[in-house]
PDB file of N, CA and C in Angstrom:
ATOM      1  N   MET A   1      52.273 -24.647 -15.521  1.00  0.00           N
ATOM      2  CA  MET A   1      52.810 -24.109 -16.748  1.00  0.00           C
ATOM      3  C   MET A   1      52.017 -24.682 -17.920  1.00  0.00           C
ATOM      4  N   PHE A   2      51.584 -23.818 -18.803  1.00  0.00           N
ATOM      5  CA  PHE A   2      50.807 -24.248 -19.964  1.00  0.00           C
ATOM      6  C   PHE A   2      51.748 -24.571 -21.119  1.00  0.00           C
ATOM      7  N   ILE A   3      51.460 -25.690 -21.776  1.00  0.00           N
ATOM      8  CA  ILE A   3      52.278 -26.126 -22.911  1.00  0.00           C
ATOM      9  C   ILE A   3      51.371 -26.294 -24.109  1.00  0.00           C
ATOM     10  N   ASN A   4      51.831 -25.801 -25.227  1.00  0.00           N
ATOM     11  CA  ASN A   4      51.094 -25.940 -26.476  1.00  0.00           C
ATOM     12  C   ASN A   4      50.940 -27.437 -26.781  1.00  0.00           C
ATOM     13  N   PRO A   5      49.705 -27.921 -27.039  1.00  0.00           N
ATOM     14  CA  PRO A   5      49.491 -29.353 -27.287  1.00  0.00           C
ATOM     15  C   PRO A   5      50.277 -29.889 -28.484  1.00  0.00           C
ATOM     16  N   SER A   6      50.449 -29.083 -29.507  1.00  0.00           N
ATOM     17  CA  SER A   6      51.204 -29.577 -30.670  1.00  0.00           C
ATOM     18  C   SER A   6      52.688 -29.748 -30.331  1.00  0.00           C
ATOM     19  N   ILE A   7      53.227 -28.859 -29.491  1.00  0.00           N
ATOM     20  CA  ILE A   7      54.623 -29.000 -29.072  1.00  0.00           C
ATOM     21  C   ILE A   7      54.774 -30.243 -28.193  1.00  0.00           C
ATOM     22  N   LYS A   8      53.814 -30.452 -27.323  1.00  0.00           N
ATOM     23  CA  LYS A   8      53.835 -31.614 -26.444  1.00  0.00           C
ATOM     24  C   LYS A   8      53.789 -32.903 -27.267  1.00  0.00           C
ATOM     25  N   LYS A   9      52.946 -32.938 -28.264  1.00  0.00           N
ATOM     26  CA  LYS A   9      52.838 -34.117 -29.131  1.00  0.00           C
ATOM     27  C   LYS A   9      54.140 -34.346 -29.893  1.00  0.00           C
ATOM     28  N   THR A  10      54.718 -33.274 -30.409  1.00  0.00           N
ATOM     29  CA  THR A  10      55.974 -33.379 -31.157  1.00  0.00           C
ATOM     30  C   THR A  10      57.094 -33.900 -30.262  1.00  0.00           C
ATOM     31  N   LEU A  11      57.184 -33.390 -29.037  1.00  0.00           N
ATOM     32  CA  LEU A  11      58.218 -33.853 -28.115  1.00  0.00           C
ATOM     33  C   LEU A  11      58.040 -35.327 -27.762  1.00  0.00           C
ATOM     34  N   LYS A  12      56.795 -35.779 -27.618  1.00  0.00           N
ATOM     35  CA  LYS A  12      56.549 -37.197 -27.350  1.00  0.00           C
ATOM     36  C   LYS A  12      57.004 -38.060 -28.527  1.00  0.00           C
ATOM     37  N   GLU A  13      56.733 -37.597 -29.745  1.00  0.00           N
ATOM     38  CA  GLU A  13      57.157 -38.345 -30.928  1.00  0.00           C
ATOM     39  C   GLU A  13      58.681 -38.390 -31.024  1.00  0.00           C
ATOM     40  N   ILE A  14      59.333 -37.282 -30.727  1.00  0.00           N
ATOM     41  CA  ILE A  14      60.797 -37.240 -30.761  1.00  0.00           C
ATOM     42  C   ILE A  14      61.371 -38.194 -29.718  1.00  0.00           C
ATOM     43  N   ALA A  15      60.796 -38.191 -28.516  1.00  0.00           N
ATOM     44  CA  ALA A  15      61.277 -39.076 -27.453  1.00  0.00           C
ATOM     45  C   ALA A  15      61.099 -40.540 -27.838  1.00  0.00           C
ATOM     46  N   ALA A  16      59.939 -40.878 -28.413  1.00  0.00           N
ATOM     47  CA  ALA A  16      59.695 -42.262 -28.819  1.00  0.00           C
ATOM     48  C   ALA A  16      60.676 -42.697 -29.906  1.00  0.00           C
ATOM     49  N   GLN A  17      60.922 -41.826 -30.867  1.00  0.00           N
ATOM     50  CA  GLN A  17      61.861 -42.153 -31.944  1.00  0.00           C
ATOM     51  C   GLN A  17      63.285 -42.263 -31.414  1.00  0.00           C
ATOM     52  N   ALA A  18      63.668 -41.397 -30.478  1.00  0.00           N
ATOM     53  CA  ALA A  18      65.008 -41.460 -29.900  1.00  0.00           C
ATOM     54  C   ALA A  18      65.216 -42.766 -29.152  1.00  0.00           C
ATOM     55  N   ILE A  19      64.196 -43.209 -28.434  1.00  0.00           N
ATOM     56  CA  ILE A  19      64.286 -44.483 -27.717  1.00  0.00           C
ATOM     57  C   ILE A  19      64.418 -45.630 -28.711  1.00  0.00           C
ATOM     58  N   THR A  20      63.662 -45.573 -29.803  1.00  0.00           N
ATOM     59  CA  THR A  20      63.752 -46.615 -30.831  1.00  0.00           C
ATOM     60  C   THR A  20      65.151 -46.678 -31.416  1.00  0.00           C
ATOM     61  N   TYR A  21      65.722 -45.534 -31.747  1.00  0.00           N
ATOM     62  CA  TYR A  21      67.073 -45.501 -32.302  1.00  0.00           C
ATOM     63  C   TYR A  21      68.098 -45.966 -31.268  1.00  0.00           C
ATOM     64  N   ALA A  22      67.956 -45.533 -30.041  1.00  0.00           N
ATOM     65  CA  ALA A  22      68.914 -45.907 -29.006  1.00  0.00           C
ATOM     66  C   ALA A  22      68.875 -47.405 -28.736  1.00  0.00           C
ATOM     67  N   ASN A  23      67.706 -47.996 -28.749  1.00  0.00           N
ATOM     68  CA  ASN A  23      67.604 -49.419 -28.465  1.00  0.00           C
ATOM     69  C   ASN A  23      68.076 -50.277 -29.629  1.00  0.00           C
ATOM     70  N   SER A  24      67.899 -49.827 -30.837  1.00  0.00           N
ATOM     71  CA  SER A  24      68.236 -50.670 -31.980  1.00  0.00           C
ATOM     72  C   SER A  24      69.713 -50.613 -32.333  1.00  0.00           C
ATOM     73  N   THR A  25      70.421 -49.543 -31.991  1.00  0.00           N
ATOM     74  CA  THR A  25      71.799 -49.428 -32.436  1.00  0.00           C
ATOM     75  C   THR A  25      72.818 -49.832 -31.370  1.00  0.00           C
ATOM     76  N   ASP A  26      72.364 -50.158 -30.178  1.00  0.00           N
ATOM     77  CA  ASP A  26      73.292 -50.489 -29.104  1.00  0.00           C
ATOM     78  C   ASP A  26      73.714 -51.954 -29.214  1.00  0.00           C
ATOM     79  N   VAL A  27      74.966 -52.198 -29.574  1.00  0.00           N
ATOM     80  CA  VAL A  27      75.445 -53.565 -29.746  1.00  0.00           C
ATOM     81  C   VAL A  27      75.790 -54.217 -28.414  1.00  0.00           C
ATOM     82  N   SER A  28      75.977 -53.437 -27.378  1.00  0.00           N
ATOM     83  CA  SER A  28      76.345 -53.971 -26.065  1.00  0.00           C
ATOM     84  C   SER A  28      75.145 -54.105 -25.133  1.00  0.00           C
ATOM     85  N   ARG A  29      73.971 -54.043 -25.668  1.00  0.00           N
ATOM     86  CA  ARG A  29      72.759 -54.054 -24.847  1.00  0.00           C
ATOM     87  C   ARG A  29      72.662 -55.316 -23.989  1.00  0.00           C
ATOM     88  N   ARG A  30      72.955 -56.470 -24.550  1.00  0.00           N
ATOM     89  CA  ARG A  30      72.884 -57.717 -23.786  1.00  0.00           C
ATOM     90  C   ARG A  30      73.868 -57.705 -22.634  1.00  0.00           C
ATOM     91  N   TYR A  31      75.055 -57.194 -22.873  1.00  0.00           N
ATOM     92  CA  TYR A  31      76.070 -57.104 -21.830  1.00  0.00           C
ATOM     93  C   TYR A  31      75.600 -56.195 -20.693  1.00  0.00           C
ATOM     94  N   TYR A  32      75.044 -55.046 -21.039  1.00  0.00           N
ATOM     95  CA  TYR A  32      74.552 -54.112 -20.022  1.00  0.00           C
ATOM     96  C   TYR A  32      73.395 -54.702 -19.226  1.00  0.00           C
ATOM     97  N   ARG A  33      72.543 -55.451 -19.904  1.00  0.00           N
ATOM     98  CA  ARG A  33      71.421 -56.084 -19.200  1.00  0.00           C
ATOM     99  C   ARG A  33      71.926 -57.125 -18.206  1.00  0.00           C
ATOM    100  N   ARG A  34      72.940 -57.903 -18.606  1.00  0.00           N
ATOM    101  CA  ARG A  34      73.515 -58.885 -17.687  1.00  0.00           C
ATOM    102  C   ARG A  34      74.162 -58.197 -16.498  1.00  0.00           C
ATOM    103  N   MET A  35      74.882 -57.105 -16.753  1.00  0.00           N
ATOM    104  CA  MET A  35      75.516 -56.361 -15.661  1.00  0.00           C
ATOM    105  C   MET A  35      74.462 -55.801 -14.705  1.00  0.00           C
ATOM    106  N   LEU A  36      73.380 -55.294 -15.250  1.00  0.00           N
ATOM    107  CA  LEU A  36      72.298 -54.768 -14.421  1.00  0.00           C
ATOM    108  C   LEU A  36      71.660 -55.883 -13.587  1.00  0.00           C
ATOM    109  N   LYS A  37      71.499 -57.052 -14.191  1.00  0.00           N
ATOM    110  CA  LYS A  37      70.927 -58.180 -13.452  1.00  0.00           C
ATOM    111  C   LYS A  37      71.845 -58.595 -12.301  1.00  0.00           C
ATOM    112  N   VAL A  38      73.143 -58.648 -12.568  1.00  0.00           N
ATOM    113  CA  VAL A  38      74.096 -58.976 -11.510  1.00  0.00           C
ATOM    114  C   VAL A  38      74.039 -57.918 -10.421  1.00  0.00           C
ATOM    115  N   PHE A  39      73.979 -56.666 -10.835  1.00  0.00           N
ATOM    116  CA  PHE A  39      73.926 -55.562  -9.877  1.00  0.00           C
ATOM    117  C   PHE A  39      72.705 -55.676  -8.970  1.00  0.00           C
ATOM    118  N   LYS A  40      71.560 -55.996  -9.555  1.00  0.00           N
ATOM    119  CA  LYS A  40      70.316 -56.060  -8.775  1.00  0.00           C
ATOM    120  C   LYS A  40      70.208 -57.317  -7.922  1.00  0.00           C
ATOM    121  N   GLU A  41      70.650 -58.454  -8.462  1.00  0.00           N
ATOM    122  CA  GLU A  41      70.392 -59.725  -7.791  1.00  0.00           C
ATOM    123  C   GLU A  41      71.545 -60.225  -6.926  1.00  0.00           C
ATOM    124  N   GLN A  42      72.771 -59.954  -7.294  1.00  0.00           N
ATOM    125  CA  GLN A  42      73.905 -60.549  -6.608  1.00  0.00           C
ATOM    126  C   GLN A  42      74.517 -59.655  -5.534  1.00  0.00           C
ATOM    127  N   LEU A  43      74.384 -58.351  -5.666  1.00  0.00           N
ATOM    128  CA  LEU A  43      75.016 -57.441  -4.716  1.00  0.00           C
ATOM    129  C   LEU A  43      74.063 -57.066  -3.596  1.00  0.00           C
ATOM    130  N   SER A  44      74.617 -56.931  -2.409  1.00  0.00           N
ATOM    131  CA  SER A  44      73.800 -56.463  -1.294  1.00  0.00           C
ATOM    132  C   SER A  44      73.564 -54.956  -1.446  1.00  0.00           C
ATOM    133  N   GLU A  45      72.698 -54.416  -0.604  1.00  0.00           N
ATOM    134  CA  GLU A  45      72.386 -52.988  -0.697  1.00  0.00           C
ATOM    135  C   GLU A  45      73.630 -52.136  -0.426  1.00  0.00           C
ATOM    136  N   ASP A  46      74.440 -52.539   0.559  1.00  0.00           N
ATOM    137  CA  ASP A  46      75.667 -51.794   0.855  1.00  0.00           C
ATOM    138  C   ASP A  46      76.648 -51.842  -0.310  1.00  0.00           C
ATOM    139  N   GLU A  47      76.758 -52.986  -0.945  1.00  0.00           N
ATOM    140  CA  GLU A  47      77.649 -53.106  -2.103  1.00  0.00           C
ATOM    141  C   GLU A  47      77.142 -52.262  -3.270  1.00  0.00           C
ATOM    142  N   GLN A  48      75.837 -52.235  -3.470  1.00  0.00           N
ATOM    143  CA  GLN A  48      75.260 -51.403  -4.529  1.00  0.00           C
ATOM    144  C   GLN A  48      75.542 -49.928  -4.272  1.00  0.00           C
ATOM    145  N   ILE A  49      75.372 -49.506  -3.029  1.00  0.00           N
ATOM    146  CA  ILE A  49      75.625 -48.101  -2.685  1.00  0.00           C
ATOM    147  C   ILE A  49      77.092 -47.764  -2.901  1.00  0.00           C
ATOM    148  N   PHE A  50      77.990 -48.657  -2.470  1.00  0.00           N
ATOM    149  CA  PHE A  50      79.416 -48.415  -2.652  1.00  0.00           C
ATOM    150  C   PHE A  50      79.771 -48.302  -4.139  1.00  0.00           C
ATOM    151  N   LEU A  51      79.237 -49.207  -4.936  1.00  0.00           N
ATOM    152  CA  LEU A  51      79.532 -49.191  -6.370  1.00  0.00           C
ATOM    153  C   LEU A  51      78.994 -47.929  -7.036  1.00  0.00           C
ATOM    154  N   MET A  52      77.767 -47.538  -6.703  1.00  0.00           N
ATOM    155  CA  MET A  52      77.196 -46.320  -7.281  1.00  0.00           C
ATOM    156  C   MET A  52      77.989 -45.090  -6.846  1.00  0.00           C
ATOM    157  N   LYS A  53      78.411 -45.051  -5.590  1.00  0.00           N
ATOM    158  CA  LYS A  53      79.221 -43.935  -5.091  1.00  0.00           C
ATOM    159  C   LYS A  53      80.529 -43.851  -5.875  1.00  0.00           C
ATOM    160  N   THR A  54      81.157 -44.999  -6.090  1.00  0.00           N
ATOM    161  CA  THR A  54      82.418 -45.026  -6.835  1.00  0.00           C
ATOM    162  C   THR A  54      82.218 -44.560  -8.270  1.00  0.00           C
ATOM    163  N   LEU A  55      81.152 -45.005  -8.908  1.00  0.00           N
ATOM    164  CA  LEU A  55      80.885 -44.593 -10.290  1.00  0.00           C
ATOM    165  C   LEU A  55      80.596 -43.097 -10.389  1.00  0.00           C
ATOM    166  N   PHE A  56      79.801 -42.579  -9.447  1.00  0.00           N
ATOM    167  CA  PHE A  56      79.495 -41.148  -9.470  1.00  0.00           C
ATOM    168  C   PHE A  56      80.737 -40.307  -9.202  1.00  0.00           C
ATOM    169  N   GLU A  57      81.609 -40.766  -8.304  1.00  0.00           N
ATOM    170  CA  GLU A  57      82.851 -40.037  -8.056  1.00  0.00           C
ATOM    171  C   GLU A  57      83.733 -40.035  -9.300  1.00  0.00           C
ATOM    172  N   ALA A  58      83.803 -41.168  -9.988  1.00  0.00           N
ATOM    173  CA  ALA A  58      84.608 -41.232 -11.205  1.00  0.00           C
ATOM    174  C   ALA A  58      84.053 -40.280 -12.264  1.00  0.00           C
ATOM    175  N   LEU A  59      82.752 -40.243 -12.394  1.00  0.00           N
ATOM    176  CA  LEU A  59      82.118 -39.331 -13.342  1.00  0.00           C
ATOM    177  C   LEU A  59      82.383 -37.887 -12.949  1.00  0.00           C
ATOM    178  N   HIS A  60      82.290 -37.591 -11.649  1.00  0.00           N
ATOM    179  CA  HIS A  60      82.538 -36.238 -11.157  1.00  0.00           C
ATOM    180  C   HIS A  60      83.981 -35.830 -11.431  1.00  0.00           C
ATOM    181  N   TYR A  61      84.952 -36.725 -11.155  1.00  0.00           N
ATOM    182  CA  TYR A  61      86.352 -36.396 -11.374  1.00  0.00           C
ATOM    183  C   TYR A  61      86.648 -36.212 -12.853  1.00  0.00           C
ATOM    184  N   LYS A  62      85.946 -36.933 -13.706  1.00  0.00           N
ATOM    185  CA  LYS A  62      86.142 -36.742 -15.147  1.00  0.00           C
ATOM    186  C   LYS A  62      85.759 -35.326 -15.537  1.00  0.00           C
ATOM    187  N   HIS A  63      84.662 -34.823 -14.978  1.00  0.00           N
ATOM    188  CA  HIS A  63      84.237 -33.464 -15.283  1.00  0.00           C
ATOM    189  C   HIS A  63      85.150 -32.435 -14.628  1.00  0.00           C
ATOM    190  N   ILE A  64      85.707 -32.758 -13.462  1.00  0.00           N
ATOM    191  CA  ILE A  64      86.635 -31.834 -12.811  1.00  0.00           C
ATOM    192  C   ILE A  64      87.863 -31.625 -13.679  1.00  0.00           C
ATOM    193  N   VAL A  65      88.380 -32.692 -14.249  1.00  0.00           N
ATOM    194  CA  VAL A  65      89.613 -32.596 -15.033  1.00  0.00           C
ATOM    195  C   VAL A  65      89.387 -31.824 -16.331  1.00  0.00           C
ATOM    196  N   THR A  66      88.174 -31.840 -16.865  1.00  0.00           N
ATOM    197  CA  THR A  66      87.924 -31.130 -18.118  1.00  0.00           C
ATOM    198  C   THR A  66      87.549 -29.671 -17.908  1.00  0.00           C
ATOM    199  N   ASP A  67      87.363 -29.246 -16.651  1.00  0.00           N
ATOM    200  CA  ASP A  67      87.050 -27.849 -16.360  1.00  0.00           C
ATOM    201  C   ASP A  67      88.319 -27.011 -16.558  1.00  0.00           C
ATOM    202  N   PRO A  68      88.277 -25.934 -17.350  1.00  0.00           N
ATOM    203  CA  PRO A  68      89.498 -25.163 -17.639  1.00  0.00           C
ATOM    204  C   PRO A  68      90.197 -24.607 -16.397  1.00  0.00           C
ATOM    205  N   ASP A  69      89.438 -24.150 -15.410  1.00  0.00           N
ATOM    206  CA  ASP A  69      90.074 -23.622 -14.199  1.00  0.00           C
ATOM    207  C   ASP A  69      90.827 -24.717 -13.460  1.00  0.00           C
ATOM    208  N   ASN A  70      90.231 -25.881 -13.378  1.00  0.00           N
ATOM    209  CA  ASN A  70      90.901 -26.985 -12.694  1.00  0.00           C
ATOM    210  C   ASN A  70      92.099 -27.483 -13.473  1.00  0.00           C
ATOM    211  N   VAL A  71      92.021 -27.473 -14.794  1.00  0.00           N
ATOM    212  CA  VAL A  71      93.163 -27.876 -15.605  1.00  0.00           C
ATOM    213  C   VAL A  71      94.337 -26.931 -15.342  1.00  0.00           C
ATOM    214  N   LEU A  72      94.042 -25.631 -15.226  1.00  0.00           N
ATOM    215  CA  LEU A  72      95.088 -24.662 -14.940  1.00  0.00           C
ATOM    216  C   LEU A  72      95.689 -24.911 -13.556  1.00  0.00           C
ATOM    217  N   GLN A  73      94.862 -25.205 -12.571  1.00  0.00           N
ATOM    218  CA  GLN A  73      95.367 -25.492 -11.229  1.00  0.00           C
ATOM    219  C   GLN A  73      96.216 -26.761 -11.224  1.00  0.00           C
ATOM    220  N   ILE A  74      95.769 -27.788 -11.928  1.00  0.00           N
ATOM    221  CA  ILE A  74      96.536 -29.030 -12.013  1.00  0.00           C
ATOM    222  C   ILE A  74      97.887 -28.760 -12.668  1.00  0.00           C
ATOM    223  N   HIS A  75      97.892 -27.940 -13.715  1.00  0.00           N
ATOM    224  CA  HIS A  75      99.141 -27.603 -14.399  1.00  0.00           C
ATOM    225  C   HIS A  75     100.080 -26.856 -13.457  1.00  0.00           C
ATOM    226  N   ASN A  76      99.539 -25.919 -12.665  1.00  0.00           N
ATOM    227  CA  ASN A  76     100.372 -25.175 -11.717  1.00  0.00           C
ATOM    228  C   ASN A  76     100.977 -26.096 -10.664  1.00  0.00           C
ATOM    229  N   VAL A  77     100.194 -27.020 -10.143  1.00  0.00           N
ATOM    230  CA  VAL A  77     100.714 -27.980  -9.157  1.00  0.00           C
ATOM    231  C   VAL A  77     101.798 -28.839  -9.787  1.00  0.00           C
ATOM    232  N   ARG A  78     101.586 -29.270 -11.014  1.00  0.00           N
ATOM    233  CA  ARG A  78     102.572 -30.095 -11.709  1.00  0.00           C
ATOM    234  C   ARG A  78     103.879 -29.329 -11.897  1.00  0.00           C
ATOM    235  N   MET A  79     103.780 -28.065 -12.307  1.00  0.00           N
ATOM    236  CA  MET A  79     104.996 -27.269 -12.514  1.00  0.00           C
ATOM    237  C   MET A  79     105.727 -27.018 -11.197  1.00  0.00           C
ATOM    238  N   ARG A  80     104.988 -26.774 -10.118  1.00  0.00           N
ATOM    239  CA  ARG A  80     105.632 -26.601  -8.809  1.00  0.00           C
ATOM    240  C   ARG A  80     106.328 -27.888  -8.376  1.00  0.00           C
ATOM    241  N   THR A  81     105.715 -29.018  -8.655  1.00  0.00           N
ATOM    242  CA  THR A  81     106.327 -30.295  -8.304  1.00  0.00           C
ATOM    243  C   THR A  81     107.616 -30.499  -9.080  1.00  0.00           C
ATOM    244  N   TYR A  82     107.610 -30.219 -10.379  1.00  0.00           N
ATOM    245  CA  TYR A  82     108.826 -30.339 -11.190  1.00  0.00           C
ATOM    246  C   TYR A  82     109.916 -29.405 -10.677  1.00  0.00           C
ATOM    247  N   LEU A  83     109.538 -28.189 -10.316  1.00  0.00           N
ATOM    248  CA  LEU A  83     110.509 -27.230  -9.804  1.00  0.00           C
ATOM    249  C   LEU A  83     111.102 -27.716  -8.481  1.00  0.00           C
ATOM    250  N   LEU A  84     110.262 -28.225  -7.597  1.00  0.00           N
ATOM    251  CA  LEU A  84     110.744 -28.723  -6.316  1.00  0.00           C
ATOM    252  C   LEU A  84     111.688 -29.900  -6.507  1.00  0.00           C
ATOM    253  N   ILE A  85     111.347 -30.816  -7.394  1.00  0.00           N
ATOM    254  CA  ILE A  85     112.217 -31.969  -7.660  1.00  0.00           C
ATOM    255  C   ILE A  85     113.548 -31.505  -8.229  1.00  0.00           C
ATOM    256  N   ALA A  86     113.504 -30.560  -9.158  1.00  0.00           N
ATOM    257  CA  ALA A  86     114.740 -30.050  -9.749  1.00  0.00           C
ATOM    258  C   ALA A  86     115.600 -29.368  -8.692  1.00  0.00           C
ATOM    259  N   LEU A  87     114.977 -28.585  -7.813  1.00  0.00           N
ATOM    260  CA  LEU A  87     115.743 -27.915  -6.761  1.00  0.00           C
ATOM    261  C   LEU A  87     116.352 -28.920  -5.791  1.00  0.00           C
ATOM    262  N   LEU A  88     115.590 -29.932  -5.406  1.00  0.00           N
ATOM    263  CA  LEU A  88     116.117 -30.949  -4.503  1.00  0.00           C
ATOM    264  C   LEU A  88     117.260 -31.730  -5.151  1.00  0.00           C
ATOM    265  N   MET A  89     117.155 -32.001  -6.425  1.00  0.00           N
ATOM    266  CA  MET A  89     118.247 -32.710  -7.125  1.00  0.00           C
ATOM    267  C   MET A  89     119.480 -31.817  -7.179  1.00  0.00           C
ATOM    268  N   GLU A  90     119.305 -30.533  -7.411  1.00  0.00           N
ATOM    269  CA  GLU A  90     120.438 -29.601  -7.473  1.00  0.00           C
ATOM    270  C   GLU A  90     121.099 -29.465  -6.100  1.00  0.00           C
ATOM    271  N   ILE A  91     120.294 -29.392  -5.050  1.00  0.00           N
ATOM    272  CA  ILE A  91     120.826 -29.290  -3.693  1.00  0.00           C
ATOM    273  C   ILE A  91     121.561 -30.597  -3.342  1.00  0.00           C
ATOM    274  N   GLY A  92     120.981 -31.729  -3.709  1.00  0.00           N
ATOM    275  CA  GLY A  92     121.622 -33.010  -3.446  1.00  0.00           C
ATOM    276  C   GLY A  92     122.918 -33.192  -4.204  1.00  0.00           C
ATOM    277  N   ARG A  93     122.986 -32.674  -5.397  1.00  0.00           N
ATOM    278  CA  ARG A  93     124.211 -32.786  -6.204  1.00  0.00           C
ATOM    279  C   ARG A  93     125.278 -31.859  -5.670  1.00  0.00           C
ATOM    280  N   ALA A  94     124.883 -30.713  -5.090  1.00  0.00           N
ATOM    281  CA  ALA A  94     125.857 -29.743  -4.593  1.00  0.00           C
ATOM    282  C   ALA A  94     126.557 -30.280  -3.346  1.00  0.00           C
ATOM    283  N   HIS A  95     125.894 -31.110  -2.576  1.00  0.00           N
ATOM    284  CA  HIS A  95     126.510 -31.611  -1.333  1.00  0.00           C
ATOM    285  C   HIS A  95     127.219 -32.872  -1.592  1.00  0.00           C
TER     286      HIS A  95
END
């Protein structure tokens, strides 16, 4: 794929400036570096894989909950659960 050299140069400048801004404004950078060092040096490979799997699943579930179709399904399950509980309480009170 051919790319216009001026566009390529502009994108490189934007990327360099974005990295500069991202590095200078992060107040938790030292904390993240320490966490990364612990992750690399203290955890075994299996522990690293488990932790990454857990983090990716949490990220995935966060996106699942914000999807409108899934929110509607979650709402339907919640309403069915409330209805079932109400019916069971009514049946229990009747006997």
